[in-house]
Amino acid sequence: MDKTMFRKLLAAAAICSVILIDAMATAQVRQTRKANTLPYDVVSGDPPVSVPDIARVFGIRVGVNGRDRLERRLGQGIYSVGGHSNGVETWITDNSECQLVTEGFEHNREGEVVTYLEWTYQGSKNVKKRSRAGKNGWLKKIEPGISRQETLALLPANMKPAHPEQNMWQWTHSGFLRPNAVNEDVYTDWKATLEFKHNRLVIIRVTCEGGLSQPGSGKVR
């Protein structure tokens, strides 16, 4: 191999090396940006993050998102005392037809984490209402004020209640999420409750709770 060809091969190898390093650096930046966009922290040694579908309501996920996200959409609500000062925040929504109440304690990148959300219908019982929640209802489409029949029709097949005539339906699911890497609080249990009155869905309530786990230990107590 002559010197000219050897130099060309060296130059090509150098270019390939630069391209590879640049691609790896770009991938690392993207991964870091993605991690920083999560509202919660992922800690090495913890169980995998797992949040059940029943946590999704009003465009957020209970246990995942903070009240700042709701305030960006609805404006600041009315604060009141809950488990701590200003722990409860309340909004009136849907042309005064519904009331939204949230509560939390721990914090993440979106402020105080919502661990309790109650969405209540306060409109007339004589007005027939159909779901218009789009993707913001519970399980995307279910919202307060619709009929028992429509609620049943919107539920996935594997979530149909055994006794649909009852005025309270409940689902519980397990998961794992640590809101921040500083404290030991973790969320492991989610519950969704639907309450009916006069065959109308009047309350959607989603909550989560858990225990304590030293970051990275993999054990919850």
Protein backbone atom coordinates (compact mmCIF):
# COMPACT_ATOMS: atom_id res chain seq x y z
CA MET A 1 0.00 0.00 0.00
CA ASP A 2 1.48 3.35 -0.99
CA LYS A 3 1.65 6.34 1.35
CA THR A 4 -1.12 8.25 -0.45
CA MET A 5 -3.62 5.43 -0.03
CA PHE A 6 -2.56 4.98 3.60
CA ARG A 7 -3.17 8.67 4.32
CA LYS A 8 -6.59 8.49 2.69
CA LEU A 9 -7.53 5.50 4.83
CA LEU A 10 -6.36 7.30 7.96
CA ALA A 11 -8.39 10.38 7.03
CA ALA A 12 -11.50 8.27 6.37
CA ALA A 13 -11.07 6.49 9.70
CA ALA A 14 -10.71 9.82 11.50
CA ILE A 15 -13.88 11.15 9.87
CA CYS A 16 -15.81 7.99 10.83
CA SER A 17 -14.51 8.31 14.40
CA VAL A 18 -15.68 11.93 14.62
CA ILE A 19 -19.11 11.02 13.24
CA LEU A 20 -19.45 8.15 15.72
CA ILE A 21 -18.42 10.31 18.69
CA ASP A 22 -20.83 13.05 17.60
CA ALA A 23 -23.69 10.56 17.26
CA MET A 24 -22.98 9.13 20.72
CA ALA A 25 -22.85 12.62 22.23
CA THR A 26 -26.14 13.57 20.54
CA ALA A 27 -27.81 10.41 21.86
CA GLN A 28 -26.55 11.18 25.37
CA VAL A 29 -27.91 14.74 25.20
CA ARG A 30 -31.29 13.49 24.03
CA GLN A 31 -31.40 10.92 26.82
CA THR A 32 -30.49 13.56 29.40
CA ARG A 33 -33.13 15.96 28.07
CA LYS A 34 -35.74 13.20 28.17
CA ALA A 35 -34.83 12.35 31.78
CA ASN A 36 -35.05 16.03 32.75
CA THR A 37 -38.52 16.33 31.24
CA LEU A 38 -39.91 13.66 33.56
CA PRO A 39 -41.62 15.24 36.56
CA TYR A 40 -40.32 12.51 38.88
CA ASP A 41 -36.89 11.00 39.59
CA VAL A 42 -35.67 7.59 38.49
CA VAL A 43 -33.21 6.12 41.00
CA SER A 44 -30.85 3.25 40.24
CA GLY A 45 -31.74 0.20 42.34
CA ASP A 46 -35.44 1.11 42.62
CA PRO A 47 -38.11 -1.10 41.03
CA PRO A 48 -39.09 -0.02 37.50
CA VAL A 49 -41.47 2.92 37.36
CA SER A 50 -45.00 1.60 36.83
CA VAL A 51 -48.19 3.68 36.92
CA PRO A 52 -51.57 2.03 36.23
CA ASP A 53 -54.00 3.39 33.66
CA ILE A 54 -56.56 4.20 36.38
CA ALA A 55 -54.25 7.04 37.50
CA ARG A 56 -55.05 9.02 34.34
CA VAL A 57 -57.74 11.67 34.88
CA PHE A 58 -58.35 15.28 33.81
CA GLY A 59 -55.29 15.23 31.59
CA ILE A 60 -52.84 14.26 34.35
CA ARG A 61 -51.73 11.11 36.12
CA VAL A 62 -52.32 11.02 39.87
CA GLY A 63 -49.02 10.38 41.65
CA VAL A 64 -47.05 11.50 38.59
CA ASN A 65 -47.97 15.10 37.84
CA GLY A 66 -47.92 18.14 40.06
CA ARG A 67 -50.42 20.93 40.63
CA ASP A 68 -48.31 23.34 38.57
CA ARG A 69 -49.44 21.43 35.49
CA LEU A 70 -53.10 21.95 36.38
CA GLU A 71 -52.49 25.63 37.19
CA ARG A 72 -50.94 26.20 33.78
CA ARG A 73 -54.18 24.95 32.28
CA LEU A 74 -56.82 26.22 34.72
CA GLY A 75 -55.13 29.11 36.48
CA GLN A 76 -54.62 29.22 40.21
CA GLY A 77 -57.41 27.60 42.22
CA ILE A 78 -58.68 28.29 45.71
CA TYR A 79 -56.34 27.04 48.44
CA SER A 80 -57.48 25.57 51.74
CA VAL A 81 -55.96 23.55 54.57
CA GLY A 82 -55.62 19.81 53.97
CA GLY A 83 -52.90 17.61 55.38
CA HIS A 84 -50.83 20.79 55.57
CA SER A 85 -51.23 24.53 54.91
CA ASN A 86 -52.65 25.17 51.42
CA GLY A 87 -52.63 21.41 50.87
CA VAL A 88 -55.98 21.47 49.03
CA GLU A 89 -56.61 23.33 45.79
CA THR A 90 -60.08 23.65 44.25
CA TRP A 91 -61.32 24.76 40.82
CA ILE A 92 -64.79 25.21 39.34
CA THR A 93 -64.81 23.88 35.78
CA ASP A 94 -67.10 23.18 32.80
CA ASN A 95 -69.20 26.36 33.08
CA SER A 96 -69.68 25.81 36.83
CA GLU A 97 -71.03 22.29 36.25
CA CYS A 98 -68.09 20.56 37.95
CA GLN A 99 -65.74 21.03 40.87
CA LEU A 100 -62.18 19.74 40.87
CA VAL A 101 -60.40 19.19 44.20
CA THR A 102 -56.77 18.09 44.52
CA GLU A 103 -54.48 17.39 47.42
CA GLY A 104 -50.87 16.32 47.83
CA PHE A 105 -47.81 16.57 49.99
CA GLU A 106 -44.57 15.52 48.28
CA HIS A 107 -43.00 17.65 45.52
CA ASN A 108 -41.47 16.95 42.13
CA ARG A 109 -40.51 19.10 39.13
CA GLU A 110 -44.17 20.10 38.67
CA GLY A 111 -44.68 21.32 42.22
CA GLU A 112 -46.83 19.55 44.77
CA VAL A 113 -47.63 16.05 43.50
CA VAL A 114 -51.34 15.33 43.11
CA THR A 115 -52.10 12.21 45.18
CA TYR A 116 -55.83 12.90 45.57
CA LEU A 117 -58.15 14.15 42.86
CA GLU A 118 -61.93 14.37 43.16
CA TRP A 119 -63.98 15.54 40.17
CA THR A 120 -67.62 16.21 41.08
CA TYR A 121 -70.66 16.99 38.94
CA GLN A 122 -72.77 19.84 40.33
CA GLY A 123 -75.07 20.51 37.39
CA SER A 124 -78.79 19.87 37.04
CA LYS A 125 -79.93 16.27 37.33
CA ASN A 126 -82.55 16.98 34.66
CA VAL A 127 -80.04 17.86 31.93
CA LYS A 128 -78.87 14.97 29.79
CA LYS A 129 -75.12 15.15 29.34
CA ARG A 130 -72.86 13.18 27.02
CA SER A 131 -69.12 12.78 27.40
CA ARG A 132 -67.10 15.50 25.71
CA ALA A 133 -63.91 14.99 27.70
CA GLY A 134 -61.86 13.94 24.68
CA LYS A 135 -58.59 12.74 26.19
CA ASN A 136 -58.97 14.58 29.49
CA GLY A 137 -61.50 12.37 31.24
CA TRP A 138 -60.83 9.40 33.47
CA LEU A 139 -59.43 6.71 31.17
CA LYS A 140 -59.51 9.61 28.66
CA LYS A 141 -63.29 9.63 27.94
CA ILE A 142 -65.23 9.29 31.21
CA GLU A 143 -66.30 12.50 32.97
CA PRO A 144 -68.78 13.44 35.72
CA GLY A 145 -72.36 14.08 34.68
CA ILE A 146 -72.79 11.30 32.11
CA SER A 147 -75.24 8.45 32.58
CA ARG A 148 -74.53 5.09 34.14
CA GLN A 149 -75.19 3.44 30.76
CA GLU A 150 -72.69 5.64 28.92
CA THR A 151 -70.11 5.14 31.65
CA LEU A 152 -70.49 1.39 31.33
CA ALA A 153 -70.19 1.57 27.55
CA LEU A 154 -66.95 3.63 27.78
CA LEU A 155 -65.22 1.21 30.15
CA PRO A 156 -62.74 -1.28 28.67
CA ALA A 157 -64.06 -4.85 28.54
CA ASN A 158 -61.69 -6.02 31.28
CA MET A 159 -62.90 -3.32 33.68
CA LYS A 160 -66.65 -3.88 33.58
CA PRO A 161 -67.98 -3.98 37.17
CA ALA A 162 -69.45 -7.24 38.44
CA HIS A 163 -72.44 -5.36 39.85
CA PRO A 164 -73.11 -2.32 37.62
CA GLU A 165 -76.36 -1.59 39.46
CA GLN A 166 -74.42 -0.53 42.56
CA ASN A 167 -73.83 3.18 43.12
CA MET A 168 -70.11 2.84 43.78
CA TRP A 169 -67.56 1.17 41.52
CA GLN A 170 -63.94 0.76 42.56
CA TRP A 171 -60.67 -0.45 41.04
CA THR A 172 -57.27 -0.85 42.71
CA HIS A 173 -53.91 -1.39 41.04
CA SER A 174 -50.32 -1.59 42.21
CA GLY A 175 -47.31 0.17 40.75
CA PHE A 176 -44.20 2.05 41.78
CA LEU A 177 -43.09 5.66 41.54
CA ARG A 178 -40.71 7.83 43.55
CA PRO A 179 -41.63 11.54 43.25
CA ASN A 180 -38.11 12.74 44.06
CA ALA A 181 -34.73 11.27 44.90
CA VAL A 182 -34.34 13.29 48.12
CA ASN A 183 -37.06 11.79 50.31
CA GLU A 184 -38.04 8.19 51.03
CA ASP A 185 -41.71 8.52 50.10
CA VAL A 186 -42.86 6.26 47.24
CA TYR A 187 -46.26 5.50 45.69
CA THR A 188 -47.26 1.87 45.28
CA ASP A 189 -51.08 1.68 45.36
CA TRP A 190 -53.68 3.45 43.22
CA LYS A 191 -57.47 3.47 43.66
CA ALA A 192 -60.19 4.82 41.36
CA THR A 193 -63.77 5.28 42.57
CA LEU A 194 -66.87 6.19 40.57
CA GLU A 195 -70.05 7.21 42.44
CA PHE A 196 -73.52 7.42 40.93
CA LYS A 197 -76.69 9.21 41.95
CA HIS A 198 -79.99 8.92 40.07
CA ASN A 199 -78.13 6.79 37.50
CA ARG A 200 -75.74 9.66 36.76
CA LEU A 201 -71.99 9.63 37.39
CA VAL A 202 -71.49 12.37 39.98
CA ILE A 203 -68.00 11.73 41.41
CA ILE A 204 -64.72 10.49 39.99
CA ARG A 205 -62.07 10.06 42.67
CA VAL A 206 -58.51 8.88 42.05
CA THR A 207 -55.95 8.48 44.83
CA CYS A 208 -52.54 6.97 45.40
CA GLU A 209 -50.57 6.06 48.49
CA GLY A 210 -47.55 4.00 49.40
CA GLY A 211 -44.81 3.78 51.95
CA LEU A 212 -41.16 4.57 52.60
CA SER A 213 -38.19 3.28 50.67
CA GLN A 214 -34.58 4.33 50.95
CA PRO A 215 -33.53 5.48 47.45
CA GLY A 216 -31.99 2.61 45.54
CA SER A 217 -32.76 -0.04 48.17
CA GLY A 218 -35.57 -1.69 46.19
CA LYS A 219 -37.47 -2.31 49.45
CA VAL A 220 -40.68 -0.58 50.61
CA ARG A 221 -41.66 -0.45 54.23
